[in-house]
Amino acid sequence: MEKSKSSGKYTCNEYREEMILLGLQKRLAAPNVTPEEKKELLREIARVEQQMGIA
């Protein structure tokens, strides 16, 4: 994750967003994910990435 553009410091919110993204990616990789869950997870991953500024 790149540092915050405004302060140059890595914030708690940035860490939190990274952990949310990692959790979503881990759930997506699980073998028992239904197609509906996969679609929702991909939507949520895209939302979090956009919020983080990496999408």
PDB file of N, CA and C in Angstrom:
ATOM      1  N   MET A   1       0.847  -1.189   0.000  1.00  0.00           N
ATOM      2  CA  MET A   1       0.000   0.000   0.000  1.00  0.00           C
ATOM      3  C   MET A   1       0.879   1.233   0.000  1.00  0.00           C
ATOM      4  N   GLU A   2       0.556   2.172  -0.816  1.00  0.00           N
ATOM      5  CA  GLU A   2       1.337   3.402  -0.825  1.00  0.00           C
ATOM      6  C   GLU A   2       0.884   4.318   0.294  1.00  0.00           C
ATOM      7  N   LYS A   3       1.772   5.166   0.710  1.00  0.00           N
ATOM      8  CA  LYS A   3       1.470   6.068   1.822  1.00  0.00           C
ATOM      9  C   LYS A   3       0.443   7.109   1.401  1.00  0.00           C
ATOM     10  N   SER A   4      -0.239   7.630   2.379  1.00  0.00           N
ATOM     11  CA  SER A   4      -1.217   8.683   2.149  1.00  0.00           C
ATOM     12  C   SER A   4      -0.560   9.861   1.444  1.00  0.00           C
ATOM     13  N   LYS A   5      -1.215  10.350   0.416  1.00  0.00           N
ATOM     14  CA  LYS A   5      -0.662  11.452  -0.362  1.00  0.00           C
ATOM     15  C   LYS A   5      -0.623  12.753   0.423  1.00  0.00           C
ATOM     16  N   SER A   6      -1.558  12.937   1.339  1.00  0.00           N
ATOM     17  CA  SER A   6      -1.652  14.216   2.039  1.00  0.00           C
ATOM     18  C   SER A   6      -0.612  14.371   3.143  1.00  0.00           C
ATOM     19  N   SER A   7      -0.412  13.355   3.964  1.00  0.00           N
ATOM     20  CA  SER A   7       0.479  13.515   5.104  1.00  0.00           C
ATOM     21  C   SER A   7       1.785  12.739   4.980  1.00  0.00           C
ATOM     22  N   GLY A   8       1.847  11.790   4.056  1.00  0.00           N
ATOM     23  CA  GLY A   8       3.037  10.973   3.938  1.00  0.00           C
ATOM     24  C   GLY A   8       3.117   9.883   4.993  1.00  0.00           C
ATOM     25  N   LYS A   9       2.092   9.729   5.820  1.00  0.00           N
ATOM     26  CA  LYS A   9       2.074   8.722   6.871  1.00  0.00           C
ATOM     27  C   LYS A   9       1.042   7.651   6.545  1.00  0.00           C
ATOM     28  N   TYR A  10       1.315   6.461   6.986  1.00  0.00           N
ATOM     29  CA  TYR A  10       0.415   5.323   6.826  1.00  0.00           C
ATOM     30  C   TYR A  10      -0.588   5.360   7.977  1.00  0.00           C
ATOM     31  N   THR A  11      -1.853   5.504   7.653  1.00  0.00           N
ATOM     32  CA  THR A  11      -2.866   5.702   8.693  1.00  0.00           C
ATOM     33  C   THR A  11      -3.564   4.409   9.094  1.00  0.00           C
ATOM     34  N   CYS A  12      -4.262   4.480  10.205  1.00  0.00           N
ATOM     35  CA  CYS A  12      -5.065   3.352  10.680  1.00  0.00           C
ATOM     36  C   CYS A  12      -6.161   3.009   9.675  1.00  0.00           C
ATOM     37  N   ASN A  13      -6.752   4.025   9.065  1.00  0.00           N
ATOM     38  CA  ASN A  13      -7.798   3.780   8.079  1.00  0.00           C
ATOM     39  C   ASN A  13      -7.265   3.049   6.860  1.00  0.00           C
ATOM     40  N   GLU A  14      -6.055   3.382   6.430  1.00  0.00           N
ATOM     41  CA  GLU A  14      -5.447   2.687   5.296  1.00  0.00           C
ATOM     42  C   GLU A  14      -5.178   1.229   5.651  1.00  0.00           C
ATOM     43  N   TYR A  15      -4.696   1.002   6.855  1.00  0.00           N
ATOM     44  CA  TYR A  15      -4.454  -0.366   7.320  1.00  0.00           C
ATOM     45  C   TYR A  15      -5.767  -1.144   7.352  1.00  0.00           C
ATOM     46  N   ARG A  16      -6.786  -0.518   7.872  1.00  0.00           N
ATOM     47  CA  ARG A  16      -8.106  -1.156   7.961  1.00  0.00           C
ATOM     48  C   ARG A  16      -8.617  -1.540   6.580  1.00  0.00           C
ATOM     49  N   GLU A  17      -8.498  -0.621   5.617  1.00  0.00           N
ATOM     50  CA  GLU A  17      -8.945  -0.901   4.255  1.00  0.00           C
ATOM     51  C   GLU A  17      -8.165  -2.074   3.658  1.00  0.00           C
ATOM     52  N   GLU A  18      -6.866  -2.130   3.914  1.00  0.00           N
ATOM     53  CA  GLU A  18      -6.055  -3.240   3.416  1.00  0.00           C
ATOM     54  C   GLU A  18      -6.520  -4.563   3.998  1.00  0.00           C
ATOM     55  N   MET A  19      -6.814  -4.570   5.293  1.00  0.00           N
ATOM     56  CA  MET A  19      -7.243  -5.806   5.949  1.00  0.00           C
ATOM     57  C   MET A  19      -8.614  -6.244   5.425  1.00  0.00           C
ATOM     58  N   ILE A  20      -9.498  -5.286   5.176  1.00  0.00           N
ATOM     59  CA  ILE A  20     -10.804  -5.608   4.592  1.00  0.00           C
ATOM     60  C   ILE A  20     -10.609  -6.231   3.219  1.00  0.00           C
ATOM     61  N   LEU A  21      -9.758  -5.622   2.396  1.00  0.00           N
ATOM     62  CA  LEU A  21      -9.497  -6.124   1.051  1.00  0.00           C
ATOM     63  C   LEU A  21      -8.902  -7.531   1.101  1.00  0.00           C
ATOM     64  N   LEU A  22      -7.938  -7.746   1.982  1.00  0.00           N
ATOM     65  CA  LEU A  22      -7.341  -9.077   2.105  1.00  0.00           C
ATOM     66  C   LEU A  22      -8.364 -10.122   2.540  1.00  0.00           C
ATOM     67  N   GLY A  23      -9.230  -9.747   3.460  1.00  0.00           N
ATOM     68  CA  GLY A  23     -10.275 -10.666   3.910  1.00  0.00           C
ATOM     69  C   GLY A  23     -11.234 -11.029   2.793  1.00  0.00           C
ATOM     70  N   LEU A  24     -11.617 -10.038   2.001  1.00  0.00           N
ATOM     71  CA  LEU A  24     -12.510 -10.290   0.873  1.00  0.00           C
ATOM     72  C   LEU A  24     -11.841 -11.197  -0.158  1.00  0.00           C
ATOM     73  N   GLN A  25     -10.568 -10.947  -0.435  1.00  0.00           N
ATOM     74  CA  GLN A  25      -9.836 -11.772  -1.394  1.00  0.00           C
ATOM     75  C   GLN A  25      -9.691 -13.205  -0.893  1.00  0.00           C
ATOM     76  N   LYS A  26      -9.483 -13.349   0.406  1.00  0.00           N
ATOM     77  CA  LYS A  26      -9.373 -14.690   0.988  1.00  0.00           C
ATOM     78  C   LYS A  26     -10.700 -15.437   0.875  1.00  0.00           C
ATOM     79  N   ARG A  27     -11.803 -14.748   1.170  1.00  0.00           N
ATOM     80  CA  ARG A  27     -13.127 -15.371   1.039  1.00  0.00           C
ATOM     81  C   ARG A  27     -13.399 -15.756  -0.405  1.00  0.00           C
ATOM     82  N   LEU A  28     -12.976 -14.906  -1.337  1.00  0.00           N
ATOM     83  CA  LEU A  28     -13.182 -15.176  -2.760  1.00  0.00           C
ATOM     84  C   LEU A  28     -12.437 -16.439  -3.193  1.00  0.00           C
ATOM     85  N   ALA A  29     -11.272 -16.682  -2.602  1.00  0.00           N
ATOM     86  CA  ALA A  29     -10.455 -17.838  -2.964  1.00  0.00           C
ATOM     87  C   ALA A  29     -10.936 -19.137  -2.319  1.00  0.00           C
ATOM     88  N   ALA A  30     -11.864 -19.055  -1.392  1.00  0.00           N
ATOM     89  CA  ALA A  30     -12.364 -20.253  -0.712  1.00  0.00           C
ATOM     90  C   ALA A  30     -13.059 -21.174  -1.720  1.00  0.00           C
ATOM     91  N   PRO A  31     -12.879 -22.481  -1.559  1.00  0.00           N
ATOM     92  CA  PRO A  31     -13.441 -23.425  -2.527  1.00  0.00           C
ATOM     93  C   PRO A  31     -14.973 -23.543  -2.506  1.00  0.00           C
ATOM     94  N   ASN A  32     -15.602 -23.145  -1.427  1.00  0.00           N
ATOM     95  CA  ASN A  32     -17.053 -23.336  -1.297  1.00  0.00           C
ATOM     96  C   ASN A  32     -17.863 -22.072  -1.589  1.00  0.00           C
ATOM     97  N   VAL A  33     -17.306 -21.132  -2.337  1.00  0.00           N
ATOM     98  CA  VAL A  33     -18.002 -19.881  -2.641  1.00  0.00           C
ATOM     99  C   VAL A  33     -18.990 -20.129  -3.779  1.00  0.00           C
ATOM    100  N   THR A  34     -20.237 -19.751  -3.558  1.00  0.00           N
ATOM    101  CA  THR A  34     -21.249 -19.901  -4.599  1.00  0.00           C
ATOM    102  C   THR A  34     -21.073 -18.796  -5.647  1.00  0.00           C
ATOM    103  N   PRO A  35     -21.623 -18.993  -6.833  1.00  0.00           N
ATOM    104  CA  PRO A  35     -21.517 -17.945  -7.864  1.00  0.00           C
ATOM    105  C   PRO A  35     -22.101 -16.602  -7.414  1.00  0.00           C
ATOM    106  N   GLU A  36     -23.179 -16.647  -6.639  1.00  0.00           N
ATOM    107  CA  GLU A  36     -23.788 -15.407  -6.142  1.00  0.00           C
ATOM    108  C   GLU A  36     -22.851 -14.698  -5.168  1.00  0.00           C
ATOM    109  N   GLU A  37     -22.256 -15.476  -4.260  1.00  0.00           N
ATOM    110  CA  GLU A  37     -21.300 -14.905  -3.299  1.00  0.00           C
ATOM    111  C   GLU A  37     -20.090 -14.334  -4.026  1.00  0.00           C
ATOM    112  N   LYS A  38     -19.614 -15.052  -5.044  1.00  0.00           N
ATOM    113  CA  LYS A  38     -18.457 -14.607  -5.803  1.00  0.00           C
ATOM    114  C   LYS A  38     -18.736 -13.264  -6.466  1.00  0.00           C
ATOM    115  N   LYS A  39     -19.917 -13.126  -7.042  1.00  0.00           N
ATOM    116  CA  LYS A  39     -20.300 -11.876  -7.701  1.00  0.00           C
ATOM    117  C   LYS A  39     -20.324 -10.725  -6.699  1.00  0.00           C
ATOM    118  N   GLU A  40     -20.899 -10.966  -5.527  1.00  0.00           N
ATOM    119  CA  GLU A  40     -20.969  -9.933  -4.484  1.00  0.00           C
ATOM    120  C   GLU A  40     -19.578  -9.593  -3.953  1.00  0.00           C
ATOM    121  N   LEU A  41     -18.746 -10.590  -3.759  1.00  0.00           N
ATOM    122  CA  LEU A  41     -17.387 -10.350  -3.283  1.00  0.00           C
ATOM    123  C   LEU A  41     -16.595  -9.510  -4.289  1.00  0.00           C
ATOM    124  N   LEU A  42     -16.739  -9.815  -5.573  1.00  0.00           N
ATOM    125  CA  LEU A  42     -16.039  -9.043  -6.596  1.00  0.00           C
ATOM    126  C   LEU A  42     -16.507  -7.589  -6.612  1.00  0.00           C
ATOM    127  N   ARG A  43     -17.807  -7.382  -6.414  1.00  0.00           N
ATOM    128  CA  ARG A  43     -18.343  -6.015  -6.326  1.00  0.00           C
ATOM    129  C   ARG A  43     -17.758  -5.267  -5.129  1.00  0.00           C
ATOM    130  N   GLU A  44     -17.705  -5.950  -3.995  1.00  0.00           N
ATOM    131  CA  GLU A  44     -17.185  -5.332  -2.773  1.00  0.00           C
ATOM    132  C   GLU A  44     -15.685  -5.062  -2.893  1.00  0.00           C
ATOM    133  N   ILE A  45     -14.944  -5.983  -3.497  1.00  0.00           N
ATOM    134  CA  ILE A  45     -13.510  -5.774  -3.719  1.00  0.00           C
ATOM    135  C   ILE A  45     -13.297  -4.548  -4.591  1.00  0.00           C
ATOM    136  N   ALA A  46     -14.067  -4.422  -5.652  1.00  0.00           N
ATOM    137  CA  ALA A  46     -13.940  -3.257  -6.541  1.00  0.00           C
ATOM    138  C   ALA A  46     -14.248  -1.962  -5.794  1.00  0.00           C
ATOM    139  N   ARG A  47     -15.249  -1.995  -4.918  1.00  0.00           N
ATOM    140  CA  ARG A  47     -15.612  -0.804  -4.146  1.00  0.00           C
ATOM    141  C   ARG A  47     -14.483  -0.402  -3.200  1.00  0.00           C
ATOM    142  N   VAL A  48     -13.922  -1.380  -2.503  1.00  0.00           N
ATOM    143  CA  VAL A  48     -12.848  -1.097  -1.551  1.00  0.00           C
ATOM    144  C   VAL A  48     -11.608  -0.598  -2.300  1.00  0.00           C
ATOM    145  N   GLU A  49     -11.284  -1.221  -3.426  1.00  0.00           N
ATOM    146  CA  GLU A  49     -10.136  -0.775  -4.213  1.00  0.00           C
ATOM    147  C   GLU A  49     -10.324   0.662  -4.693  1.00  0.00           C
ATOM    148  N   GLN A  50     -11.523   0.981  -5.114  1.00  0.00           N
ATOM    149  CA  GLN A  50     -11.805   2.350  -5.565  1.00  0.00           C
ATOM    150  C   GLN A  50     -11.647   3.323  -4.399  1.00  0.00           C
ATOM    151  N   GLN A  51     -12.144   2.954  -3.253  1.00  0.00           N
ATOM    152  CA  GLN A  51     -12.035   3.782  -2.056  1.00  0.00           C
ATOM    153  C   GLN A  51     -10.568   3.993  -1.678  1.00  0.00           C
ATOM    154  N   MET A  52      -9.759   2.972  -1.901  1.00  0.00           N
ATOM    155  CA  MET A  52      -8.332   3.038  -1.585  1.00  0.00           C
ATOM    156  C   MET A  52      -7.546   3.810  -2.653  1.00  0.00           C
ATOM    157  N   GLY A  53      -8.161   3.990  -3.815  1.00  0.00           N
ATOM    158  CA  GLY A  53      -7.480   4.676  -4.903  1.00  0.00           C
ATOM    159  C   GLY A  53      -6.557   3.792  -5.712  1.00  0.00           C
ATOM    160  N   ILE A  54      -6.823   2.488  -5.709  1.00  0.00           N
ATOM    161  CA  ILE A  54      -5.969   1.575  -6.465  1.00  0.00           C
ATOM    162  C   ILE A  54      -6.705   0.939  -7.639  1.00  0.00           C
ATOM    163  N   ALA A  55      -7.915   1.346  -7.885  1.00  0.00           N
ATOM    164  CA  ALA A  55      -8.670   0.789  -9.010  1.00  0.00           C
ATOM    165  C   ALA A  55      -9.000   1.857 -10.009  1.00  0.00           C
TER     166      ALA A  55
END
